[in-house]
Amino acid sequence: NINNYLFNNFGEFEYKHHNTLLIDKFTQK
């Protein structure tokens, strides 16, 4: 429902799960 709201505001966008970013950042560091 929030994706739909943001799509109405901005059009297409990319979305990810926060855990994906955490794992990638922690792995890099």
Full PDB file with SEQRES, HELIX, SHEET, SSBOND, CRYST1, ORIGX, SCALE, CONECT and MASTER records, all heavy atoms in Angstrom:
SEQRES   1 A   29  ASN ILE ASN ASN TYR LEU PHE ASN ASN PHE GLY GLU PHE          
SEQRES   2 A   29  GLU TYR LYS HIS HIS ASN THR LEU LEU ILE ASP LYS PHE          
SEQRES   3 A   29  THR GLN LYS                                                  
HELIX    1 AA1 ILE A    2  PHE A   10  1                                   9    
HELIX    2 AA2 HIS A   18  GLN A   28  1                                  11    
CRYST1    1.000    1.000    1.000  90.00  90.00  90.00 P 1           1          
ORIGX1      1.000000  0.000000  0.000000        0.00000                         
ORIGX2      0.000000  1.000000  0.000000        0.00000                         
ORIGX3      0.000000  0.000000  1.000000        0.00000                         
SCALE1      1.000000  0.000000  0.000000        0.00000                         
SCALE2      0.000000  1.000000  0.000000        0.00000                         
SCALE3      0.000000  0.000000  1.000000        0.00000                         
ATOM      1  N   ASN A   1       0.828  -1.206   0.000  1.00  0.00           N  
ATOM      2  CA  ASN A   1       0.000   0.000   0.000  1.00  0.00           C  
ATOM      3  C   ASN A   1       0.865   1.259   0.000  1.00  0.00           C  
ATOM      4  O   ASN A   1       0.523   2.267  -0.632  1.00  0.00           O  
ATOM      5  CB  ASN A   1      -0.957   0.000   1.197  1.00  0.00           C  
ATOM      6  CG  ASN A   1      -0.237   0.031   2.535  1.00  0.00           C  
ATOM      7  OD1 ASN A   1       0.827  -0.564   2.698  1.00  0.00           O  
ATOM      8  ND2 ASN A   1      -0.811   0.721   3.509  1.00  0.00           N  
ATOM      9  N   ILE A   2       2.007   1.205   0.668  1.00  0.00           N  
ATOM     10  CA  ILE A   2       2.916   2.350   0.679  1.00  0.00           C  
ATOM     11  C   ILE A   2       3.652   2.450  -0.650  1.00  0.00           C  
ATOM     12  O   ILE A   2       3.873   3.551  -1.166  1.00  0.00           O  
ATOM     13  CB  ILE A   2       3.879   2.250   1.867  1.00  0.00           C  
ATOM     14  CG1 ILE A   2       3.071   2.291   3.167  1.00  0.00           C  
ATOM     15  CG2 ILE A   2       4.914   3.364   1.834  1.00  0.00           C  
ATOM     16  CD1 ILE A   2       3.869   2.067   4.420  1.00  0.00           C  
ATOM     17  N   ASN A   3       4.023   1.312  -1.228  1.00  0.00           N  
ATOM     18  CA  ASN A   3       4.599   1.338  -2.573  1.00  0.00           C  
ATOM     19  C   ASN A   3       3.651   2.021  -3.557  1.00  0.00           C  
ATOM     20  O   ASN A   3       4.070   2.827  -4.391  1.00  0.00           O  
ATOM     21  CB  ASN A   3       4.892  -0.082  -3.051  1.00  0.00           C  
ATOM     22  CG  ASN A   3       6.278  -0.564  -2.658  1.00  0.00           C  
ATOM     23  OD1 ASN A   3       7.021   0.141  -1.970  1.00  0.00           O  
ATOM     24  ND2 ASN A   3       6.636  -1.767  -3.081  1.00  0.00           N  
ATOM     25  N   ASN A   4       2.364   1.695  -3.460  1.00  0.00           N  
ATOM     26  CA  ASN A   4       1.383   2.292  -4.373  1.00  0.00           C  
ATOM     27  C   ASN A   4       1.282   3.793  -4.165  1.00  0.00           C  
ATOM     28  O   ASN A   4       1.180   4.568  -5.136  1.00  0.00           O  
ATOM     29  CB  ASN A   4       0.010   1.641  -4.171  1.00  0.00           C  
ATOM     30  CG  ASN A   4      -0.027   0.206  -4.656  1.00  0.00           C  
ATOM     31  OD1 ASN A   4       0.779  -0.205  -5.491  1.00  0.00           O  
ATOM     32  ND2 ASN A   4      -0.958  -0.578  -4.125  1.00  0.00           N  
ATOM     33  N   TYR A   5       1.302   4.223  -2.904  1.00  0.00           N  
ATOM     34  CA  TYR A   5       1.247   5.656  -2.609  1.00  0.00           C  
ATOM     35  C   TYR A   5       2.470   6.378  -3.175  1.00  0.00           C  
ATOM     36  O   TYR A   5       2.353   7.450  -3.795  1.00  0.00           O  
ATOM     37  CB  TYR A   5       1.164   5.872  -1.099  1.00  0.00           C  
ATOM     38  CG  TYR A   5       1.295   7.320  -0.688  1.00  0.00           C  
ATOM     39  CD1 TYR A   5       0.239   8.211  -0.863  1.00  0.00           C  
ATOM     40  CD2 TYR A   5       2.484   7.795  -0.138  1.00  0.00           C  
ATOM     41  CE1 TYR A   5       0.365   9.547  -0.497  1.00  0.00           C  
ATOM     42  CE2 TYR A   5       2.621   9.122   0.232  1.00  0.00           C  
ATOM     43  CZ  TYR A   5       1.560   9.995   0.053  1.00  0.00           C  
ATOM     44  OH  TYR A   5       1.705  11.314   0.413  1.00  0.00           O  
ATOM     45  N   LEU A   6       3.643   5.797  -2.993  1.00  0.00           N  
ATOM     46  CA  LEU A   6       4.862   6.416  -3.496  1.00  0.00           C  
ATOM     47  C   LEU A   6       4.910   6.413  -5.013  1.00  0.00           C  
ATOM     48  O   LEU A   6       5.421   7.360  -5.635  1.00  0.00           O  
ATOM     49  CB  LEU A   6       6.084   5.697  -2.923  1.00  0.00           C  
ATOM     50  CG  LEU A   6       6.251   5.796  -1.406  1.00  0.00           C  
ATOM     51  CD1 LEU A   6       7.421   4.927  -0.930  1.00  0.00           C  
ATOM     52  CD2 LEU A   6       6.467   7.247  -0.975  1.00  0.00           C  
ATOM     53  N   PHE A   7       4.360   5.365  -5.628  1.00  0.00           N  
ATOM     54  CA  PHE A   7       4.287   5.330  -7.093  1.00  0.00           C  
ATOM     55  C   PHE A   7       3.424   6.471  -7.612  1.00  0.00           C  
ATOM     56  O   PHE A   7       3.742   7.104  -8.630  1.00  0.00           O  
ATOM     57  CB  PHE A   7       3.734   3.983  -7.563  1.00  0.00           C  
ATOM     58  CG  PHE A   7       3.623   3.875  -9.063  1.00  0.00           C  
ATOM     59  CD1 PHE A   7       4.727   3.548  -9.830  1.00  0.00           C  
ATOM     60  CD2 PHE A   7       2.409   4.105  -9.703  1.00  0.00           C  
ATOM     61  CE1 PHE A   7       4.629   3.458 -11.216  1.00  0.00           C  
ATOM     62  CE2 PHE A   7       2.302   4.017 -11.089  1.00  0.00           C  
ATOM     63  CZ  PHE A   7       3.414   3.690 -11.848  1.00  0.00           C  
ATOM     64  N   ASN A   8       2.323   6.756  -6.915  1.00  0.00           N  
ATOM     65  CA  ASN A   8       1.460   7.862  -7.325  1.00  0.00           C  
ATOM     66  C   ASN A   8       2.161   9.206  -7.192  1.00  0.00           C  
ATOM     67  O   ASN A   8       1.843  10.162  -7.921  1.00  0.00           O  
ATOM     68  CB  ASN A   8       0.173   7.871  -6.488  1.00  0.00           C  
ATOM     69  CG  ASN A   8      -0.744   6.717  -6.826  1.00  0.00           C  
ATOM     70  OD1 ASN A   8      -0.702   6.178  -7.934  1.00  0.00           O  
ATOM     71  ND2 ASN A   8      -1.561   6.296  -5.876  1.00  0.00           N  
ATOM     72  N   ASN A   9       3.120   9.288  -6.265  1.00  0.00           N  
ATOM     73  CA  ASN A   9       3.871  10.530  -6.070  1.00  0.00           C  
ATOM     74  C   ASN A   9       5.034  10.682  -7.038  1.00  0.00           C  
ATOM     75  O   ASN A   9       5.284  11.782  -7.535  1.00  0.00           O  
ATOM     76  CB  ASN A   9       4.422  10.592  -4.634  1.00  0.00           C  
ATOM     77  CG  ASN A   9       3.427  11.130  -3.634  1.00  0.00           C  
ATOM     78  OD1 ASN A   9       3.383  12.336  -3.385  1.00  0.00           O  
ATOM     79  ND2 ASN A   9       2.609  10.252  -3.079  1.00  0.00           N  
ATOM     80  N   PHE A  10       5.741   9.576  -7.296  1.00  0.00           N  
ATOM     81  CA  PHE A  10       7.004   9.685  -8.028  1.00  0.00           C  
ATOM     82  C   PHE A  10       7.061   8.888  -9.325  1.00  0.00           C  
ATOM     83  O   PHE A  10       8.017   9.024 -10.085  1.00  0.00           O  
ATOM     84  CB  PHE A  10       8.159   9.225  -7.131  1.00  0.00           C  
ATOM     85  CG  PHE A  10       8.309  10.019  -5.865  1.00  0.00           C  
ATOM     86  CD1 PHE A  10       8.062   9.420  -4.637  1.00  0.00           C  
ATOM     87  CD2 PHE A  10       8.694  11.346  -5.893  1.00  0.00           C  
ATOM     88  CE1 PHE A  10       8.206  10.141  -3.455  1.00  0.00           C  
ATOM     89  CE2 PHE A  10       8.840  12.072  -4.725  1.00  0.00           C  
ATOM     90  CZ  PHE A  10       8.591  11.470  -3.505  1.00  0.00           C  
ATOM     91  N   GLY A  11       6.099   8.030  -9.571  1.00  0.00           N  
ATOM     92  CA  GLY A  11       6.237   7.112 -10.689  1.00  0.00           C  
ATOM     93  C   GLY A  11       7.107   5.932 -10.284  1.00  0.00           C  
ATOM     94  O   GLY A  11       7.186   5.570  -9.106  1.00  0.00           O  
ATOM     95  N   GLU A  12       7.776   5.326 -11.248  1.00  0.00           N  
ATOM     96  CA  GLU A  12       8.551   4.120 -10.968  1.00  0.00           C  
ATOM     97  C   GLU A  12       9.723   4.406 -10.041  1.00  0.00           C  
ATOM     98  O   GLU A  12      10.343   5.468 -10.094  1.00  0.00           O  
ATOM     99  CB  GLU A  12       9.074   3.512 -12.275  1.00  0.00           C  
ATOM    100  CG  GLU A  12       7.976   2.926 -13.163  1.00  0.00           C  
ATOM    101  CD  GLU A  12       8.546   2.199 -14.360  1.00  0.00           C  
ATOM    102  OE1 GLU A  12       9.790   2.106 -14.453  1.00  0.00           O  
ATOM    103  OE2 GLU A  12       7.762   1.717 -15.181  1.00  0.00           O  
ATOM    104  N   PHE A  13      10.022   3.445  -9.182  1.00  0.00           N  
ATOM    105  CA  PHE A  13      11.154   3.549  -8.269  1.00  0.00           C  
ATOM    106  C   PHE A  13      11.640   2.151  -7.924  1.00  0.00           C  
ATOM    107  O   PHE A  13      10.948   1.155  -8.155  1.00  0.00           O  
ATOM    108  CB  PHE A  13      10.762   4.302  -6.985  1.00  0.00           C  
ATOM    109  CG  PHE A  13       9.636   3.654  -6.208  1.00  0.00           C  
ATOM    110  CD1 PHE A  13       9.896   2.659  -5.278  1.00  0.00           C  
ATOM    111  CD2 PHE A  13       8.316   4.034  -6.428  1.00  0.00           C  
ATOM    112  CE1 PHE A  13       8.874   2.057  -4.574  1.00  0.00           C  
ATOM    113  CE2 PHE A  13       7.283   3.440  -5.730  1.00  0.00           C  
ATOM    114  CZ  PHE A  13       7.559   2.450  -4.798  1.00  0.00           C  
ATOM    115  N   GLU A  14      12.847   2.086  -7.346  1.00  0.00           N  
ATOM    116  CA  GLU A  14      13.409   0.821  -6.889  1.00  0.00           C  
ATOM    117  C   GLU A  14      13.160   0.674  -5.392  1.00  0.00           C  
ATOM    118  O   GLU A  14      13.199   1.646  -4.650  1.00  0.00           O  
ATOM    119  CB  GLU A  14      14.913   0.778  -7.161  1.00  0.00           C  
ATOM    120  CG  GLU A  14      15.276   0.823  -8.637  1.00  0.00           C  
ATOM    121  CD  GLU A  14      16.785   0.773  -8.848  1.00  0.00           C  
ATOM    122  OE1 GLU A  14      17.522   0.748  -7.835  1.00  0.00           O  
ATOM    123  OE2 GLU A  14      17.212   0.759 -10.011  1.00  0.00           O  
ATOM    124  N   TYR A  15      12.900  -0.551  -4.949  1.00  0.00           N  
ATOM    125  CA  TYR A  15      12.753  -0.772  -3.514  1.00  0.00           C  
ATOM    126  C   TYR A  15      13.469  -2.051  -3.098  1.00  0.00           C  
ATOM    127  O   TYR A  15      13.612  -2.991  -3.882  1.00  0.00           O  
ATOM    128  CB  TYR A  15      11.273  -0.808  -3.093  1.00  0.00           C  
ATOM    129  CG  TYR A  15      10.461  -1.967  -3.640  1.00  0.00           C  
ATOM    130  CD1 TYR A  15      10.345  -3.157  -2.920  1.00  0.00           C  
ATOM    131  CD2 TYR A  15       9.794  -1.878  -4.862  1.00  0.00           C  
ATOM    132  CE1 TYR A  15       9.598  -4.220  -3.402  1.00  0.00           C  
ATOM    133  CE2 TYR A  15       9.039  -2.929  -5.353  1.00  0.00           C  
ATOM    134  CZ  TYR A  15       8.941  -4.091  -4.617  1.00  0.00           C  
ATOM    135  OH  TYR A  15       8.203  -5.145  -5.095  1.00  0.00           O  
ATOM    136  N   LYS A  16      13.951  -2.023  -1.845  1.00  0.00           N  
ATOM    137  CA  LYS A  16      14.671  -3.158  -1.286  1.00  0.00           C  
ATOM    138  C   LYS A  16      14.269  -3.356   0.167  1.00  0.00           C  
ATOM    139  O   LYS A  16      13.662  -2.483   0.787  1.00  0.00           O  
ATOM    140  CB  LYS A  16      16.189  -2.934  -1.363  1.00  0.00           C  
ATOM    141  CG  LYS A  16      16.775  -3.000  -2.758  1.00  0.00           C  
ATOM    142  CD  LYS A  16      18.300  -2.918  -2.716  1.00  0.00           C  
ATOM    143  CE  LYS A  16      18.900  -3.091  -4.096  1.00  0.00           C  
ATOM    144  NZ  LYS A  16      20.389  -3.074  -4.054  1.00  0.00           N  
ATOM    145  N   HIS A  17      14.646  -4.495   0.703  1.00  0.00           N  
ATOM    146  CA  HIS A  17      14.463  -4.754   2.126  1.00  0.00           C  
ATOM    147  C   HIS A  17      15.676  -4.227   2.881  1.00  0.00           C  
ATOM    148  O   HIS A  17      16.806  -4.298   2.395  1.00  0.00           O  
ATOM    149  CB  HIS A  17      14.301  -6.254   2.378  1.00  0.00           C  
ATOM    150  CG  HIS A  17      13.845  -6.587   3.759  1.00  0.00           C  
ATOM    151  ND1 HIS A  17      14.720  -6.953   4.761  1.00  0.00           N  
ATOM    152  CD2 HIS A  17      12.612  -6.579   4.330  1.00  0.00           C  
ATOM    153  CE1 HIS A  17      14.040  -7.184   5.871  1.00  0.00           C  
ATOM    154  NE2 HIS A  17      12.758  -6.953   5.645  1.00  0.00           N  
ATOM    155  N   HIS A  18      15.450  -3.705   4.087  1.00  0.00           N  
ATOM    156  CA  HIS A  18      16.550  -3.095   4.832  1.00  0.00           C  
ATOM    157  C   HIS A  18      17.653  -4.094   5.154  1.00  0.00           C  
ATOM    158  O   HIS A  18      18.831  -3.739   5.219  1.00  0.00           O  
ATOM    159  CB  HIS A  18      16.025  -2.457   6.132  1.00  0.00           C  
ATOM    160  CG  HIS A  18      15.833  -3.409   7.270  1.00  0.00           C  
ATOM    161  ND1 HIS A  18      14.777  -4.306   7.340  1.00  0.00           N  
ATOM    162  CD2 HIS A  18      16.571  -3.626   8.394  1.00  0.00           C  
ATOM    163  CE1 HIS A  18      14.878  -5.013   8.443  1.00  0.00           C  
ATOM    164  NE2 HIS A  18      15.947  -4.619   9.103  1.00  0.00           N  
ATOM    165  N   ASN A  19      17.273  -5.351   5.336  1.00  0.00           N  
ATOM    166  CA  ASN A  19      18.273  -6.343   5.703  1.00  0.00           C  
ATOM    167  C   ASN A  19      19.265  -6.600   4.569  1.00  0.00           C  
ATOM    168  O   ASN A  19      20.425  -6.923   4.811  1.00  0.00           O  
ATOM    169  CB  ASN A  19      17.591  -7.645   6.118  1.00  0.00           C  
ATOM    170  CG  ASN A  19      18.447  -8.482   7.026  1.00  0.00           C  
ATOM    171  OD1 ASN A  19      18.931  -8.008   8.041  1.00  0.00           O  
ATOM    172  ND2 ASN A  19      18.653  -9.737   6.647  1.00  0.00           N  
ATOM    173  N   THR A  20      18.803  -6.434   3.339  1.00  0.00           N  
ATOM    174  CA  THR A  20      19.693  -6.571   2.188  1.00  0.00           C  
ATOM    175  C   THR A  20      20.810  -5.540   2.258  1.00  0.00           C  
ATOM    176  O   THR A  20      21.989  -5.860   2.064  1.00  0.00           O  
ATOM    177  CB  THR A  20      18.892  -6.385   0.886  1.00  0.00           C  
ATOM    178  OG1 THR A  20      17.860  -7.367   0.818  1.00  0.00           O  
ATOM    179  CG2 THR A  20      19.794  -6.511  -0.337  1.00  0.00           C  
ATOM    180  N   LEU A  21      20.434  -4.297   2.553  1.00  0.00           N  
ATOM    181  CA  LEU A  21      21.428  -3.231   2.634  1.00  0.00           C  
ATOM    182  C   LEU A  21      22.370  -3.437   3.809  1.00  0.00           C  
ATOM    183  O   LEU A  21      23.582  -3.215   3.695  1.00  0.00           O  
ATOM    184  CB  LEU A  21      20.727  -1.882   2.741  1.00  0.00           C  
ATOM    185  CG  LEU A  21      19.844  -1.500   1.546  1.00  0.00           C  
ATOM    186  CD1 LEU A  21      19.141  -0.172   1.799  1.00  0.00           C  
ATOM    187  CD2 LEU A  21      20.670  -1.412   0.279  1.00  0.00           C  
ATOM    188  N   LEU A  22      21.824  -3.862   4.950  1.00  0.00           N  
ATOM    189  CA  LEU A  22      22.675  -4.101   6.116  1.00  0.00           C  
ATOM    190  C   LEU A  22      23.718  -5.181   5.824  1.00  0.00           C  
ATOM    191  O   LEU A  22      24.906  -5.011   6.118  1.00  0.00           O  
ATOM    192  CB  LEU A  22      21.828  -4.506   7.319  1.00  0.00           C  
ATOM    193  CG  LEU A  22      21.105  -3.398   8.076  1.00  0.00           C  
ATOM    194  CD1 LEU A  22      20.272  -3.992   9.207  1.00  0.00           C  
ATOM    195  CD2 LEU A  22      22.093  -2.380   8.645  1.00  0.00           C  
ATOM    196  N   ILE A  23      23.283  -6.293   5.269  1.00  0.00           N  
ATOM    197  CA  ILE A  23      24.210  -7.393   4.991  1.00  0.00           C  
ATOM    198  C   ILE A  23      25.295  -6.942   4.020  1.00  0.00           C  
ATOM    199  O   ILE A  23      26.489  -7.205   4.227  1.00  0.00           O  
ATOM    200  CB  ILE A  23      23.453  -8.620   4.441  1.00  0.00           C  
ATOM    201  CG1 ILE A  23      22.577  -9.227   5.539  1.00  0.00           C  
ATOM    202  CG2 ILE A  23      24.428  -9.659   3.893  1.00  0.00           C  
ATOM    203  CD1 ILE A  23      21.645 -10.307   5.050  1.00  0.00           C  
ATOM    204  N   ASP A  24      24.904  -6.234   2.968  1.00  0.00           N  
ATOM    205  CA  ASP A  24      25.893  -5.771   1.987  1.00  0.00           C  
ATOM    206  C   ASP A  24      26.880  -4.795   2.616  1.00  0.00           C  
ATOM    207  O   ASP A  24      28.093  -4.886   2.386  1.00  0.00           O  
ATOM    208  CB  ASP A  24      25.185  -5.118   0.793  1.00  0.00           C  
ATOM    209  CG  ASP A  24      24.548  -6.140  -0.132  1.00  0.00           C  
ATOM    210  OD1 ASP A  24      24.886  -7.335  -0.029  1.00  0.00           O  
ATOM    211  OD2 ASP A  24      23.698  -5.749  -0.958  1.00  0.00           O  
ATOM    212  N   LYS A  25      26.379  -3.857   3.425  1.00  0.00           N  
ATOM    213  CA  LYS A  25      27.265  -2.865   4.040  1.00  0.00           C  
ATOM    214  C   LYS A  25      28.183  -3.505   5.076  1.00  0.00           C  
ATOM    215  O   LYS A  25      29.386  -3.184   5.138  1.00  0.00           O  
ATOM    216  CB  LYS A  25      26.437  -1.740   4.665  1.00  0.00           C  
ATOM    217  CG  LYS A  25      25.759  -0.843   3.637  1.00  0.00           C  
ATOM    218  CD  LYS A  25      25.011   0.322   4.292  1.00  0.00           C  
ATOM    219  CE  LYS A  25      24.417   1.226   3.227  1.00  0.00           C  
ATOM    220  NZ  LYS A  25      23.794   2.441   3.803  1.00  0.00           N  
ATOM    221  N   PHE A  26      27.624  -4.380   5.890  1.00  0.00           N  
ATOM    222  CA  PHE A  26      28.458  -5.052   6.897  1.00  0.00           C  
ATOM    223  C   PHE A  26      29.515  -5.931   6.233  1.00  0.00           C  
ATOM    224  O   PHE A  26      30.664  -6.007   6.690  1.00  0.00           O  
ATOM    225  CB  PHE A  26      27.594  -5.892   7.835  1.00  0.00           C  
ATOM    226  CG  PHE A  26      26.694  -5.093   8.738  1.00  0.00           C  
ATOM    227  CD1 PHE A  26      25.534  -5.651   9.259  1.00  0.00           C  
ATOM    228  CD2 PHE A  26      26.990  -3.784   9.072  1.00  0.00           C  
ATOM    229  CE1 PHE A  26      24.705  -4.930  10.108  1.00  0.00           C  
ATOM    230  CE2 PHE A  26      26.162  -3.046   9.908  1.00  0.00           C  
ATOM    231  CZ  PHE A  26      25.016  -3.628  10.432  1.00  0.00           C  
ATOM    232  N   THR A  27      29.149  -6.603   5.152  1.00  0.00           N  
ATOM    233  CA  THR A  27      30.089  -7.461   4.437  1.00  0.00           C  
ATOM    234  C   THR A  27      31.243  -6.642   3.867  1.00  0.00           C  
ATOM    235  O   THR A  27      32.416  -7.043   3.938  1.00  0.00           O  
ATOM    236  CB  THR A  27      29.378  -8.231   3.304  1.00  0.00           C  
ATOM    237  OG1 THR A  27      28.326  -9.029   3.855  1.00  0.00           O  
ATOM    238  CG2 THR A  27      30.348  -9.134   2.558  1.00  0.00           C  
ATOM    239  N   GLN A  28      30.926  -5.484   3.313  1.00  0.00           N  
ATOM    240  CA  GLN A  28      31.968  -4.619   2.756  1.00  0.00           C  
ATOM    241  C   GLN A  28      32.942  -4.135   3.825  1.00  0.00           C  
ATOM    242  O   GLN A  28      34.147  -3.999   3.585  1.00  0.00           O  
ATOM    243  CB  GLN A  28      31.323  -3.408   2.074  1.00  0.00           C  
ATOM    244  CG  GLN A  28      30.564  -3.743   0.797  1.00  0.00           C  
ATOM    245  CD  GLN A  28      29.756  -2.559   0.279  1.00  0.00           C  
ATOM    246  OE1 GLN A  28      29.976  -1.411   0.673  1.00  0.00           O  
ATOM    247  NE2 GLN A  28      28.810  -2.829  -0.606  1.00  0.00           N  
ATOM    248  N   LYS A  29      32.428  -3.869   5.025  1.00  0.00           N  
ATOM    249  CA  LYS A  29      33.254  -3.297   6.087  1.00  0.00           C  
ATOM    250  C   LYS A  29      33.967  -4.345   6.933  1.00  0.00           C  
ATOM    251  O   LYS A  29      34.895  -4.015   7.668  1.00  0.00           O  
ATOM    252  CB  LYS A  29      32.387  -2.400   6.984  1.00  0.00           C  
ATOM    253  CG  LYS A  29      31.945  -1.111   6.303  1.00  0.00           C  
ATOM    254  CD  LYS A  29      31.155  -0.223   7.244  1.00  0.00           C  
ATOM    255  CE  LYS A  29      30.808   1.118   6.594  1.00  0.00           C  
ATOM    256  NZ  LYS A  29      32.014   1.959   6.389  1.00  0.00           N  
TER     257      LYS A  29                                                      
MASTER        0    0    0    2    0    0    0    6  256    1    0    3          
END                                                                             
